[in-house]
Structure formats: C-alpha cells, structure tokens
C-alpha cells in the first residue's frame, strides 16, 4: 500500500472489524499495548485511535489525550473515543481496575504487612522519625501512611 495516499484512504484500505460490543478494532499494525498504529508521514507513526478521532470528530485539544470509553485499545470507533487530560486517563485506569497499587506496585518501599505494623506502632507511641529510619522512609512517607494518604486500603 502506498504511503503517499491520504491518511483517510489508508485507514479505509487497512480497515477495521466491528465487534459485538460495537468496537471498530483496527486491522493494521499495533503498538505493544494493543493500540493501532498508522504511518502518517514524515517518518511518524501515530496511534490509530488518535487519527480516527481527528478524522471523524475533529481536532484534539492541545495537551489532551484521546481516551477510550470502551477500554479497548485497538478500537477506533469515534463514538467510543473522547478527549481528556492525563489526570482523566489516570482516573479511568483506577476506575477500571488497571492501576497497580499496594503490594503489586513495582516502586513500593514497604509491604502491606509493614504498613499495618507501622500504624500499630504509631498508636503504641513510636515516633514517625523512628519508624522512618527503621523502614528507610522519609518522615513524610510515614505521615502519609499514618494518615492514609498512601496505603489507604491497608
């Protein structure tokens, strides 16, 4: 397929498959996380859902992402797409259970068992500074644990 053809023509030629849920799943190449990939010229490849949004809905506001209502990365159905901030996208991930938290988080410094112990010891008179040294945390991290600003569910 010629890369000199307009993007809309290339999208139509590659096509999509309509699912029972109404998603239009991109038939072309995909990025590692499943998002459709479309070469748009100038040595650039764009996510197909972004190209679809611009084609059928309109320009993407500066600084915004194109998010999926359907939570299906290869979907390019304009009715399933919406724009929003990185924060909106982050909240989508949390609401859909795709946000790593607690013991599963790769950057955690303490376990949920440690959190339980820290909270118990604070109520028994240990200081935040003592616990921070013992668990290799900052006093503010211990404060966040104590006040449930982090590790809320533990």
C-alpha atoms as a PDB file:
ATOM      1  CA  UNK A   1       0.000   0.000   0.000  1.00  0.00           C
ATOM      2  CA  UNK A   2       1.410   3.365  -0.942  1.00  0.00           C
ATOM      3  CA  UNK A   3       2.369   5.659   1.890  1.00  0.00           C
ATOM      4  CA  UNK A   4       1.694   8.655  -0.335  1.00  0.00           C
ATOM      5  CA  UNK A   5      -2.065   8.103  -0.249  1.00  0.00           C
ATOM      6  CA  UNK A   6      -4.064  10.334   2.103  1.00  0.00           C
ATOM      7  CA  UNK A   7      -4.309   9.022   5.658  1.00  0.00           C
ATOM      8  CA  UNK A   8      -8.107   8.558   5.412  1.00  0.00           C
ATOM      9  CA  UNK A   9      -7.673   6.399   2.286  1.00  0.00           C
ATOM     10  CA  UNK A  10      -5.031   4.285   4.022  1.00  0.00           C
ATOM     11  CA  UNK A  11      -7.288   3.861   7.057  1.00  0.00           C
ATOM     12  CA  UNK A  12     -10.135   2.681   4.826  1.00  0.00           C
ATOM     13  CA  UNK A  13      -7.842   0.285   2.934  1.00  0.00           C
ATOM     14  CA  UNK A  14      -6.477  -1.264   6.157  1.00  0.00           C
ATOM     15  CA  UNK A  15      -9.908  -1.319   7.726  1.00  0.00           C
ATOM     16  CA  UNK A  16     -11.392  -2.492  10.986  1.00  0.00           C
ATOM     17  CA  UNK A  17     -13.581  -5.268  12.299  1.00  0.00           C
ATOM     18  CA  UNK A  18     -16.801  -4.413  14.152  1.00  0.00           C
ATOM     19  CA  UNK A  19     -17.250  -6.416  17.368  1.00  0.00           C
ATOM     20  CA  UNK A  20     -20.453  -7.397  19.175  1.00  0.00           C
ATOM     21  CA  UNK A  21     -19.764  -4.558  21.638  1.00  0.00           C
ATOM     22  CA  UNK A  22     -19.698  -2.046  18.766  1.00  0.00           C
ATOM     23  CA  UNK A  23     -15.930  -1.529  18.810  1.00  0.00           C
ATOM     24  CA  UNK A  24     -14.199  -0.953  15.486  1.00  0.00           C
ATOM     25  CA  UNK A  25     -10.998  -2.953  16.031  1.00  0.00           C
ATOM     26  CA  UNK A  26      -8.103  -1.754  13.894  1.00  0.00           C
ATOM     27  CA  UNK A  27      -6.922  -4.399  11.387  1.00  0.00           C
ATOM     28  CA  UNK A  28      -3.494  -2.853  10.812  1.00  0.00           C
ATOM     29  CA  UNK A  29      -0.264  -2.870  12.788  1.00  0.00           C
ATOM     30  CA  UNK A  30      -0.407  -2.402  16.538  1.00  0.00           C
ATOM     31  CA  UNK A  31       1.832  -0.943  19.188  1.00  0.00           C
ATOM     32  CA  UNK A  32       2.920  -3.319  22.008  1.00  0.00           C
ATOM     33  CA  UNK A  33      -0.052  -2.486  24.276  1.00  0.00           C
ATOM     34  CA  UNK A  34      -2.576  -3.176  21.526  1.00  0.00           C
ATOM     35  CA  UNK A  35      -3.219   0.351  20.218  1.00  0.00           C
ATOM     36  CA  UNK A  36      -3.496   0.546  16.446  1.00  0.00           C
ATOM     37  CA  UNK A  37      -0.523   2.037  14.593  1.00  0.00           C
ATOM     38  CA  UNK A  38      -0.769   4.061  11.394  1.00  0.00           C
ATOM     39  CA  UNK A  39       2.079   5.684   9.486  1.00  0.00           C
ATOM     40  CA  UNK A  40       1.068   9.312   8.942  1.00  0.00           C
ATOM     41  CA  UNK A  41       4.059  10.645   7.030  1.00  0.00           C
ATOM     42  CA  UNK A  42       7.232  12.484   7.817  1.00  0.00           C
ATOM     43  CA  UNK A  43       8.705   9.364   9.381  1.00  0.00           C
ATOM     44  CA  UNK A  44       5.996   9.326  12.067  1.00  0.00           C
ATOM     45  CA  UNK A  45       3.606   6.658  13.212  1.00  0.00           C
ATOM     46  CA  UNK A  46       0.510   7.692  15.153  1.00  0.00           C
ATOM     47  CA  UNK A  47      -1.947   5.744  17.257  1.00  0.00           C
ATOM     48  CA  UNK A  48      -4.888   4.858  15.040  1.00  0.00           C
ATOM     49  CA  UNK A  49      -7.493   5.972  17.591  1.00  0.00           C
ATOM     50  CA  UNK A  50      -5.994   9.486  17.590  1.00  0.00           C
ATOM     51  CA  UNK A  51      -6.108   9.613  13.788  1.00  0.00           C
ATOM     52  CA  UNK A  52      -9.696   8.308  13.866  1.00  0.00           C
ATOM     53  CA  UNK A  53     -10.737  10.946  16.397  1.00  0.00           C
ATOM     54  CA  UNK A  54      -9.286  13.741  14.269  1.00  0.00           C
ATOM     55  CA  UNK A  55     -10.822  12.285  11.117  1.00  0.00           C
ATOM     56  CA  UNK A  56     -14.365  11.791  12.382  1.00  0.00           C
ATOM     57  CA  UNK A  57     -14.723  14.096  15.392  1.00  0.00           C
ATOM     58  CA  UNK A  58     -12.279  16.966  14.967  1.00  0.00           C
ATOM     59  CA  UNK A  59      -9.045  18.381  16.311  1.00  0.00           C
ATOM     60  CA  UNK A  60      -7.662  17.080  19.597  1.00  0.00           C
ATOM     61  CA  UNK A  61      -7.374  19.975  22.080  1.00  0.00           C
ATOM     62  CA  UNK A  62      -3.762  20.914  22.860  1.00  0.00           C
ATOM     63  CA  UNK A  63      -2.375  18.834  25.704  1.00  0.00           C
ATOM     64  CA  UNK A  64      -5.247  16.336  25.667  1.00  0.00           C
ATOM     65  CA  UNK A  65      -5.193  12.591  25.119  1.00  0.00           C
ATOM     66  CA  UNK A  66      -7.760  10.539  23.230  1.00  0.00           C
ATOM     67  CA  UNK A  67      -9.318   8.102  25.701  1.00  0.00           C
ATOM     68  CA  UNK A  68     -11.486   5.029  25.148  1.00  0.00           C
ATOM     69  CA  UNK A  69     -14.933   4.768  26.726  1.00  0.00           C
ATOM     70  CA  UNK A  70     -14.848   1.053  25.842  1.00  0.00           C
ATOM     71  CA  UNK A  71     -11.390   0.379  27.383  1.00  0.00           C
ATOM     72  CA  UNK A  72     -10.408  -1.499  24.202  1.00  0.00           C
ATOM     73  CA  UNK A  73      -7.021  -0.237  22.863  1.00  0.00           C
ATOM     74  CA  UNK A  74      -7.473  -1.261  19.185  1.00  0.00           C
ATOM     75  CA  UNK A  75     -10.917   0.395  18.961  1.00  0.00           C
ATOM     76  CA  UNK A  76     -11.190   3.352  16.578  1.00  0.00           C
ATOM     77  CA  UNK A  77     -14.980   3.851  16.794  1.00  0.00           C
ATOM     78  CA  UNK A  78     -15.419   7.633  17.176  1.00  0.00           C
ATOM     79  CA  UNK A  79     -18.450   7.047  19.423  1.00  0.00           C
ATOM     80  CA  UNK A  80     -16.120   5.220  21.851  1.00  0.00           C
ATOM     81  CA  UNK A  81     -13.479   7.975  21.890  1.00  0.00           C
ATOM     82  CA  UNK A  82     -13.251  11.131  23.973  1.00  0.00           C
ATOM     83  CA  UNK A  83     -10.564  13.620  24.856  1.00  0.00           C
ATOM     84  CA  UNK A  84      -9.241  14.416  28.292  1.00  0.00           C
ATOM     85  CA  UNK A  85      -6.178  15.159  30.377  1.00  0.00           C
ATOM     86  CA  UNK A  86      -3.550  12.722  31.638  1.00  0.00           C
ATOM     87  CA  UNK A  87      -5.264  13.021  35.005  1.00  0.00           C
ATOM     88  CA  UNK A  88      -8.599  11.968  33.459  1.00  0.00           C
ATOM     89  CA  UNK A  89      -6.859   8.993  31.839  1.00  0.00           C
ATOM     90  CA  UNK A  90      -5.274   8.065  35.178  1.00  0.00           C
ATOM     91  CA  UNK A  91      -8.680   8.176  36.882  1.00  0.00           C
ATOM     92  CA  UNK A  92     -10.086   5.958  34.099  1.00  0.00           C
ATOM     93  CA  UNK A  93      -7.369   3.386  34.843  1.00  0.00           C
ATOM     94  CA  UNK A  94      -8.168   3.429  38.559  1.00  0.00           C
ATOM     95  CA  UNK A  95     -11.921   3.123  37.968  1.00  0.00           C
ATOM     96  CA  UNK A  96     -11.380   0.189  35.606  1.00  0.00           C
ATOM     97  CA  UNK A  97      -9.011  -1.642  37.944  1.00  0.00           C
ATOM     98  CA  UNK A  98      -5.943  -1.216  35.733  1.00  0.00           C
ATOM     99  CA  UNK A  99      -3.917   0.852  38.188  1.00  0.00           C
ATOM    100  CA  UNK A 100      -1.257  -1.070  40.106  1.00  0.00           C
ATOM    101  CA  UNK A 101      -1.470  -0.440  43.832  1.00  0.00           C
ATOM    102  CA  UNK A 102      -0.190  -1.748  47.146  1.00  0.00           C
ATOM    103  CA  UNK A 103       1.990  -4.852  47.217  1.00  0.00           C
ATOM    104  CA  UNK A 104       1.811  -5.180  43.412  1.00  0.00           C
ATOM    105  CA  UNK A 105       3.291  -1.738  42.741  1.00  0.00           C
ATOM    106  CA  UNK A 106       6.849  -2.023  41.448  1.00  0.00           C
ATOM    107  CA  UNK A 107       8.052   1.119  43.237  1.00  0.00           C
ATOM    108  CA  UNK A 108       6.742   0.292  46.713  1.00  0.00           C
ATOM    109  CA  UNK A 109       9.162   0.595  49.619  1.00  0.00           C
ATOM    110  CA  UNK A 110       7.127  -1.274  52.210  1.00  0.00           C
ATOM    111  CA  UNK A 111       4.633  -4.143  52.168  1.00  0.00           C
ATOM    112  CA  UNK A 112       1.045  -4.080  53.371  1.00  0.00           C
ATOM    113  CA  UNK A 113       2.220  -6.034  56.456  1.00  0.00           C
ATOM    114  CA  UNK A 114       4.790  -3.288  57.145  1.00  0.00           C
ATOM    115  CA  UNK A 115       2.050  -0.666  56.837  1.00  0.00           C
ATOM    116  CA  UNK A 116      -0.097  -2.479  59.404  1.00  0.00           C
ATOM    117  CA  UNK A 117       2.876  -2.704  61.752  1.00  0.00           C
ATOM    118  CA  UNK A 118       3.787   0.989  61.268  1.00  0.00           C
ATOM    119  CA  UNK A 119       0.234   2.066  62.110  1.00  0.00           C
ATOM    120  CA  UNK A 120       0.081  -0.165  65.186  1.00  0.00           C
ATOM    121  CA  UNK A 121       3.443   1.059  66.448  1.00  0.00           C
ATOM    122  CA  UNK A 122       2.447   4.700  65.956  1.00  0.00           C
ATOM    123  CA  UNK A 123      -0.618   4.164  68.158  1.00  0.00           C
ATOM    124  CA  UNK A 124       1.672   2.499  70.735  1.00  0.00           C
ATOM    125  CA  UNK A 125       3.929   5.550  70.990  1.00  0.00           C
ATOM    126  CA  UNK A 126       6.636   5.087  68.347  1.00  0.00           C
ATOM    127  CA  UNK A 127       7.586   8.299  66.556  1.00  0.00           C
ATOM    128  CA  UNK A 128       7.399   8.876  62.843  1.00  0.00           C
ATOM    129  CA  UNK A 129      11.126   9.676  62.801  1.00  0.00           C
ATOM    130  CA  UNK A 130      11.982   6.329  64.460  1.00  0.00           C
ATOM    131  CA  UNK A 131       9.856   4.370  62.028  1.00  0.00           C
ATOM    132  CA  UNK A 132      11.184   6.338  59.063  1.00  0.00           C
ATOM    133  CA  UNK A 133      14.757   5.332  59.985  1.00  0.00           C
ATOM    134  CA  UNK A 134      13.777   1.716  60.646  1.00  0.00           C
ATOM    135  CA  UNK A 135      11.895   1.260  57.347  1.00  0.00           C
ATOM    136  CA  UNK A 136      14.182   3.524  55.265  1.00  0.00           C
ATOM    137  CA  UNK A 137      11.371   6.002  54.608  1.00  0.00           C
ATOM    138  CA  UNK A 138      11.111   9.748  54.955  1.00  0.00           C
ATOM    139  CA  UNK A 139       9.112  11.096  57.909  1.00  0.00           C
ATOM    140  CA  UNK A 140       6.568  12.475  55.415  1.00  0.00           C
ATOM    141  CA  UNK A 141       6.090   8.978  53.929  1.00  0.00           C
ATOM    142  CA  UNK A 142       5.393   7.631  57.426  1.00  0.00           C
ATOM    143  CA  UNK A 143       2.968  10.515  57.980  1.00  0.00           C
ATOM    144  CA  UNK A 144       1.189   9.688  54.684  1.00  0.00           C
ATOM    145  CA  UNK A 145       0.864   6.048  55.766  1.00  0.00           C
ATOM    146  CA  UNK A 146      -0.409   7.054  59.214  1.00  0.00           C
ATOM    147  CA  UNK A 147      -2.966   9.477  57.783  1.00  0.00           C
ATOM    148  CA  UNK A 148      -3.987   7.107  54.964  1.00  0.00           C
ATOM    149  CA  UNK A 149      -2.904   9.446  52.182  1.00  0.00           C
ATOM    150  CA  UNK A 150      -0.961   6.441  50.914  1.00  0.00           C
ATOM    151  CA  UNK A 151      -1.789   2.793  51.504  1.00  0.00           C
ATOM    152  CA  UNK A 152      -5.445   3.764  52.078  1.00  0.00           C
ATOM    153  CA  UNK A 153      -6.844   0.244  51.695  1.00  0.00           C
ATOM    154  CA  UNK A 154      -4.394  -1.348  54.119  1.00  0.00           C
END
